[in-house]
Protein backbone atom coordinates (compact mmCIF):
# COMPACT_ATOMS: atom_id res chain seq x y z
CA MET A 1 0.81 -11.27 -21.21
CA LYS A 2 -2.32 -10.96 -19.64
CA GLY A 3 -2.90 -12.62 -16.02
CA THR A 4 0.76 -12.16 -14.97
CA VAL A 5 1.49 -10.45 -12.20
CA THR A 6 3.24 -7.11 -12.48
CA ARG A 7 4.80 -6.29 -9.60
CA ALA A 8 4.42 -2.93 -9.70
CA VAL A 9 4.28 0.19 -7.47
CA LEU A 10 1.16 -0.41 -4.59
CA ALA A 11 0.16 1.84 -1.98
CA PHE A 12 0.09 1.08 1.95
CA ALA A 13 -2.52 1.50 3.80
CA LEU A 14 -2.23 1.35 7.33
CA ALA A 15 -0.22 3.98 9.23
CA GLY A 16 2.53 6.60 8.94
CA GLY A 17 6.19 6.14 8.55
CA SER A 18 8.74 4.65 6.22
CA VAL A 19 7.67 1.54 5.00
CA LEU A 20 9.72 -0.92 2.31
CA LEU A 21 8.51 -2.86 -0.21
CA GLY A 22 9.22 -6.16 -0.61
CA PHE A 23 6.94 -8.35 -3.17
CA ALA A 24 6.07 -11.85 -3.47
CA PRO A 25 4.57 -12.92 -6.66
CA PRO A 26 2.51 -16.35 -7.37
CA ALA A 27 4.86 -19.17 -7.52
CA GLY A 28 5.75 -19.54 -11.45
CA ALA A 29 4.24 -16.36 -12.27
CA ALA A 30 6.06 -14.52 -15.04
CA THR A 31 6.94 -10.85 -13.55
CA ALA A 32 6.32 -7.27 -15.91
CA ASN A 33 6.99 -5.18 -13.87
CA GLN A 34 8.84 -5.13 -10.38
CA CYS A 35 10.18 -1.82 -7.71
CA LYS A 36 12.67 -2.53 -4.72
CA THR A 37 11.40 -0.14 -2.57
CA PHE A 38 8.00 2.46 -1.39
CA LYS A 39 8.86 5.15 0.79
CA GLY A 40 6.31 6.65 2.05
CA TYR A 41 3.39 7.89 4.39
CA ALA A 42 -0.54 7.35 5.35
CA THR A 43 -2.52 10.08 7.11
CA PHE A 44 -6.71 8.35 8.06
CA ASN A 45 -9.03 11.17 7.88
CA PRO A 46 -11.10 11.09 10.59
CA PRO A 47 -7.80 10.12 13.28
CA VAL A 48 -8.19 6.70 14.78
CA PRO A 49 -9.78 6.98 17.84
CA ALA A 50 -7.92 6.28 20.86
CA GLY A 51 -10.89 5.46 23.23
CA ALA A 52 -13.56 3.21 22.66
CA THR A 53 -15.64 4.22 19.39
CA LYS A 54 -14.60 3.13 16.29
CA VAL A 55 -14.48 5.07 12.81
CA LYS A 56 -14.08 4.40 8.72
CA SER A 57 -11.06 6.40 8.18
CA LYS A 58 -10.37 7.61 4.74
CA ILE A 59 -6.50 6.96 4.44
CA SER A 60 -4.25 9.10 2.00
CA VAL A 61 -1.17 7.30 0.69
CA HIS A 62 2.07 9.03 -0.55
CA GLY A 63 5.05 7.69 -1.38
CA ASN A 64 8.00 7.41 -4.08
CA VAL A 65 9.21 4.05 -4.93
CA THR A 66 12.56 3.40 -6.82
CA GLY A 67 14.25 0.69 -7.73
CA CYS A 68 11.86 -0.49 -10.39
CA SER A 69 12.50 -2.96 -13.56
CA PRO A 70 12.78 -2.82 -16.31
CA SER A 71 13.72 0.58 -15.50
CA SER A 72 13.30 1.30 -19.97
CA LYS A 73 9.51 0.80 -19.45
CA THR A 74 9.17 3.00 -16.16
CA GLY A 75 12.27 5.20 -15.96
CA GLY A 76 13.33 2.92 -12.49
CA SER A 77 11.18 5.31 -10.74
CA GLY A 78 8.19 6.55 -9.67
CA VAL A 79 5.90 8.81 -7.81
CA VAL A 80 2.58 6.56 -5.96
CA THR A 81 -0.74 8.54 -4.29
CA GLY A 82 -3.87 6.42 -3.11
CA THR A 83 -6.85 6.60 -1.53
CA LEU A 84 -7.94 3.43 0.18
CA THR A 85 -11.23 2.55 2.96
CA PRO A 86 -11.90 0.00 5.76
CA THR A 87 -14.15 -2.65 5.33
CA THR A 88 -14.87 -2.32 9.04
CA ALA A 89 -14.61 0.60 11.35
CA GLY A 90 -11.87 0.76 13.70
CA ASN A 91 -9.93 2.45 16.70
CA CYS A 92 -6.49 2.16 18.02
CA ALA A 93 -7.23 -1.32 19.56
CA THR A 94 -8.25 -3.01 17.11
CA THR A 95 -5.12 -1.27 14.56
CA VAL A 96 -2.77 -2.74 16.41
CA LYS A 97 -4.69 -6.04 16.77
CA GLY A 98 -4.24 -5.73 13.15
CA GLY A 99 -6.52 -8.69 10.43
CA GLY A 100 -7.96 -5.78 8.97
CA THR A 101 -8.94 -5.12 5.57
CA GLN A 102 -9.26 -2.29 3.04
CA LYS A 103 -9.73 -1.30 -0.55
CA GLY A 104 -9.50 1.39 -2.81
CA THR A 105 -7.28 3.25 -5.81
CA SER A 106 -4.06 3.32 -6.35
CA THR A 107 -1.48 5.79 -8.84
CA THR A 108 2.01 6.03 -10.06
CA LYS A 109 3.40 8.15 -12.13
CA TRP A 110 6.68 6.98 -13.34
CA LYS A 111 9.60 8.87 -13.92
CA ASN A 112 9.37 8.77 -17.64
CA GLY A 113 5.66 10.35 -17.81
CA LYS A 114 3.50 6.47 -17.78
CA VAL A 115 0.65 6.34 -15.80
CA SER A 116 -0.23 2.84 -13.60
CA LYS A 117 -3.71 3.08 -12.15
CA PHE A 118 -4.59 0.31 -9.64
CA SER A 119 -7.36 -1.73 -7.94
CA VAL A 120 -6.11 -2.89 -4.72
CA THR A 121 -6.87 -5.18 -1.48
CA VAL A 122 -5.15 -4.53 1.22
CA LYS A 123 -4.41 -7.32 4.34
CA GLU A 124 -3.38 -6.52 7.87
CA GLY A 125 -0.94 -9.45 9.49
CA THR A 126 -2.36 -10.27 12.86
CA GLY A 127 -0.38 -10.65 16.31
CA SER A 128 2.85 -9.46 16.19
CA ASN A 129 2.82 -9.24 12.42
CA TYR A 130 0.10 -6.42 12.60
CA ASN A 131 2.30 -4.13 10.58
CA LEU A 132 2.52 -6.80 7.97
CA ALA A 133 0.27 -5.79 4.99
CA THR A 134 -0.32 -8.08 1.45
CA ILE A 135 -1.52 -6.26 -1.18
CA THR A 136 -3.26 -7.86 -4.45
CA GLY A 137 -5.13 -6.16 -7.21
CA LYS A 138 -5.02 -5.43 -10.34
CA VAL A 139 -4.06 -2.60 -13.34
CA THR A 140 -6.94 -0.97 -14.48
CA SER A 141 -5.60 1.67 -17.10
CA GLY A 142 -2.52 3.01 -18.06
CA LEU A 143 1.10 1.24 -18.21
CA PHE A 144 0.64 -2.74 -17.26
CA ALA A 145 -2.98 -2.27 -17.86
CA GLY A 146 -4.65 -6.07 -17.25
CA LYS A 147 -1.94 -6.92 -14.86
CA LEU A 148 -1.96 -8.41 -11.53
CA VAL A 149 -0.28 -6.93 -8.46
CA ALA A 150 1.17 -8.44 -5.77
CA GLY A 151 3.35 -7.08 -2.87
CA GLN A 152 3.74 -6.97 1.08
CA VAL A 153 5.18 -3.77 3.27
CA ARG A 154 6.12 -3.57 6.44
CA PHE A 155 5.18 -0.14 7.70
CA LYS A 156 5.88 1.48 11.14
CA PRO A 157 3.22 3.89 12.58
CA ALA A 158 4.48 7.35 13.08
CA ASN A 159 4.55 7.35 16.97
CA ALA A 160 5.29 4.22 17.92
CA GLY A 161 4.70 3.15 21.31
CA ARG A 162 3.76 7.45 22.57
CA ALA A 163 0.60 8.19 23.69
CA PRO A 164 -1.07 11.15 21.75
CA ARG A 165 -0.59 14.39 23.44
CA LEU A 166 -3.83 16.41 24.76
CA ARG A 167 -3.83 20.01 24.67
């Protein structure tokens, strides 16, 4: 069913640490696939600066999805990789404020050997929800090709509340 939502796996975009994935498709849309949990991490290159300097870091995403259904199509789980780029440069202060947008691609290698490739946009929350990212996109090739993607992830920065150590 072209144009329906697939709640497949998505890459998260903003910080390292564990991430739980909870999807929210548009009301009334049929779902081709969904995964209950995404745990993984993201790395920034160059790292997000603590000072006034702003950069557009390449964000590399790595993780695993589990609880995927129907498992007959995916094997029930998969490995996620992705690359995202912010639309504007940022630093620690702007990152914690949220409100940024990243665009990029993601690939899921399903447990049964099939592959899904995505084009995604990640929009960060703001204020106390700066760590809630809403993900939209489309499966560009492979399993579920042509389906829309929708989801949300809440992330936990790897070093929340701690200043980096200088040596």
